[in-house]
């Protein structure tokens, strides 16, 4: 591959690998195998999100590889996303702290707002896709994207 296509230079000067491992809807045991295989094959970009409810499995493998010396933290590009239930400005800091704890990292390289609509937070951090009685997603009454 052309080296100029292997990463994208961000406005802060950091480079984000162009290809990363997506982790949506990955069962934890299968995901651990996939993350190990990806890291062994040279992947350094892992894309996850709080709402995927599998960051703990990713964190286990990342720590395994970092502690063994197979990869250095600074060579990884880890992306996670704010849960739609945590978009209330008062919940954002706690949410990233929860992701960092599950990922067993001190920082992520990119933190994104996952979706522009806030879901209703019902006090359960594991209920990331609350539903209405009719079966649709239960949105919050309002979303303050600027505040978030």
Protein backbone atom coordinates (compact mmCIF):
# COMPACT_ATOMS: atom_id res chain seq x y z
CA UNK A 1 0.00 0.00 0.00
CA UNK A 2 1.13 3.55 -0.70
CA UNK A 3 2.57 4.86 2.61
CA UNK A 4 0.67 8.12 2.18
CA UNK A 5 -2.59 6.14 2.42
CA UNK A 6 -1.67 4.25 5.59
CA UNK A 7 -2.66 7.10 7.88
CA UNK A 8 -4.40 10.44 7.96
CA UNK A 9 -2.70 13.44 9.54
CA UNK A 10 -5.08 15.17 11.94
CA UNK A 11 -5.15 18.90 12.65
CA UNK A 12 -3.27 18.36 15.92
CA UNK A 13 -0.40 16.68 14.06
CA UNK A 14 -1.21 13.14 15.17
CA UNK A 15 -1.63 10.39 12.62
CA UNK A 16 -4.69 8.15 12.60
CA UNK A 17 -4.26 4.81 10.84
CA UNK A 18 -6.56 4.63 7.82
CA UNK A 19 -7.67 1.09 8.59
CA UNK A 20 -8.96 0.02 11.96
CA UNK A 21 -10.76 -2.85 13.61
CA UNK A 22 -14.45 -2.16 14.19
CA UNK A 23 -15.97 -3.80 17.26
CA UNK A 24 -19.74 -3.21 16.96
CA UNK A 25 -21.91 -6.22 17.87
CA UNK A 26 -18.89 -8.36 18.70
CA UNK A 27 -19.37 -10.95 21.43
CA UNK A 28 -16.59 -10.58 23.99
CA UNK A 29 -14.90 -13.95 23.49
CA UNK A 30 -14.89 -13.58 19.71
CA UNK A 31 -13.75 -9.98 20.03
CA UNK A 32 -10.70 -10.94 22.10
CA UNK A 33 -9.65 -13.32 19.34
CA UNK A 34 -10.25 -10.63 16.71
CA UNK A 35 -8.30 -7.94 18.58
CA UNK A 36 -5.35 -10.32 19.09
CA UNK A 37 -5.39 -11.27 15.40
CA UNK A 38 -5.65 -7.63 14.32
CA UNK A 39 -2.75 -6.54 16.55
CA UNK A 40 -0.66 -9.51 15.39
CA UNK A 41 -1.35 -8.51 11.77
CA UNK A 42 -0.24 -4.93 12.35
CA UNK A 43 -3.50 -3.14 13.06
CA UNK A 44 -2.99 -0.24 15.46
CA UNK A 45 -6.40 1.44 15.18
CA UNK A 46 -9.24 0.01 17.27
CA UNK A 47 -12.69 1.57 17.01
CA UNK A 48 -15.10 0.96 19.86
CA UNK A 49 -17.86 2.68 21.81
CA UNK A 50 -19.32 2.58 25.29
CA UNK A 51 -22.64 1.47 23.82
CA UNK A 52 -21.09 -1.67 22.33
CA UNK A 53 -20.76 -3.01 25.90
CA UNK A 54 -17.51 -4.79 25.05
CA UNK A 55 -14.80 -2.29 25.95
CA UNK A 56 -13.71 -4.47 28.88
CA UNK A 57 -12.77 -7.31 26.51
CA UNK A 58 -10.75 -4.91 24.35
CA UNK A 59 -9.03 -3.55 27.44
CA UNK A 60 -7.97 -7.02 28.54
CA UNK A 61 -6.27 -7.70 25.22
CA UNK A 62 -4.70 -4.25 24.99
CA UNK A 63 -3.16 -4.66 28.43
CA UNK A 64 -1.99 -8.17 27.58
CA UNK A 65 -0.16 -6.84 24.51
CA UNK A 66 1.18 -3.69 26.17
CA UNK A 67 2.47 -5.53 29.24
CA UNK A 68 4.11 -8.22 27.11
CA UNK A 69 5.85 -5.59 24.99
CA UNK A 70 4.14 -6.70 21.77
CA UNK A 71 2.81 -3.14 21.29
CA UNK A 72 3.45 0.24 22.86
CA UNK A 73 0.50 2.34 23.95
CA UNK A 74 1.79 5.31 21.98
CA UNK A 75 1.68 3.22 18.78
CA UNK A 76 -2.03 2.52 19.18
CA UNK A 77 -4.90 4.73 18.03
CA UNK A 78 -7.93 3.97 20.17
CA UNK A 79 -11.30 5.53 19.38
CA UNK A 80 -14.35 5.36 21.60
CA UNK A 81 -17.64 7.17 21.63
CA UNK A 82 -19.91 8.81 24.16
CA UNK A 83 -22.98 6.72 24.91
CA UNK A 84 -26.23 8.28 23.74
CA UNK A 85 -27.60 7.83 27.29
CA UNK A 86 -24.69 9.89 28.68
CA UNK A 87 -25.09 13.01 26.54
CA UNK A 88 -26.36 15.12 29.41
CA UNK A 89 -23.37 17.47 29.98
CA UNK A 90 -23.13 16.40 33.65
CA UNK A 91 -22.63 12.74 32.59
CA UNK A 92 -19.95 13.18 29.91
CA UNK A 93 -16.89 13.16 32.20
CA UNK A 94 -18.13 10.13 34.11
CA UNK A 95 -18.83 8.34 30.83
CA UNK A 96 -15.31 8.77 29.45
CA UNK A 97 -13.92 7.72 32.83
CA UNK A 98 -16.01 4.54 32.64
CA UNK A 99 -14.73 3.83 29.12
CA UNK A 100 -11.12 4.43 30.18
CA UNK A 101 -11.53 2.06 33.11
CA UNK A 102 -13.01 -0.67 30.90
CA UNK A 103 -10.34 -0.14 28.24
CA UNK A 104 -7.68 -0.09 30.98
CA UNK A 105 -6.15 3.02 29.44
CA UNK A 106 -5.16 6.48 30.68
CA UNK A 107 -6.39 8.15 27.50
CA UNK A 108 -8.05 7.53 24.16
CA UNK A 109 -6.83 9.10 20.95
CA UNK A 110 -10.25 10.19 19.71
CA UNK A 111 -13.50 10.60 21.63
CA UNK A 112 -16.63 11.15 19.58
CA UNK A 113 -20.27 11.95 20.19
CA UNK A 114 -21.73 8.69 18.91
CA UNK A 115 -25.08 9.98 17.67
CA UNK A 116 -26.61 13.47 17.49
CA UNK A 117 -29.72 12.48 19.45
CA UNK A 118 -29.66 11.87 23.18
CA UNK A 119 -31.35 8.74 24.48
CA UNK A 120 -33.26 8.75 27.76
CA UNK A 121 -31.01 7.89 30.70
CA UNK A 122 -32.92 5.75 33.16
CA UNK A 123 -30.16 5.37 35.75
CA UNK A 124 -28.78 2.10 34.36
CA UNK A 125 -25.43 2.52 32.58
CA UNK A 126 -25.83 -0.87 30.88
CA UNK A 127 -29.22 -0.01 29.36
CA UNK A 128 -27.65 1.84 26.45
CA UNK A 129 -30.58 1.49 24.04
CA UNK A 130 -33.71 2.28 26.09
CA UNK A 131 -36.94 1.51 24.30
CA UNK A 132 -40.44 2.92 24.39
CA UNK A 133 -43.50 0.77 25.05
CA UNK A 134 -43.98 0.68 21.27
CA UNK A 135 -40.51 -0.77 20.83
CA UNK A 136 -38.69 2.24 19.38
CA UNK A 137 -35.65 3.94 20.82
CA UNK A 138 -36.52 6.22 23.71
CA UNK A 139 -35.04 9.65 23.01
CA UNK A 140 -34.51 12.26 25.71
CA UNK A 141 -36.87 15.21 25.64
CA UNK A 142 -34.09 17.46 24.38
CA UNK A 143 -30.49 17.25 23.28
CA UNK A 144 -27.93 19.97 24.10
CA UNK A 145 -25.14 19.15 21.64
CA UNK A 146 -23.27 22.37 22.43
CA UNK A 147 -23.38 21.57 26.15
CA UNK A 148 -22.35 17.99 25.51
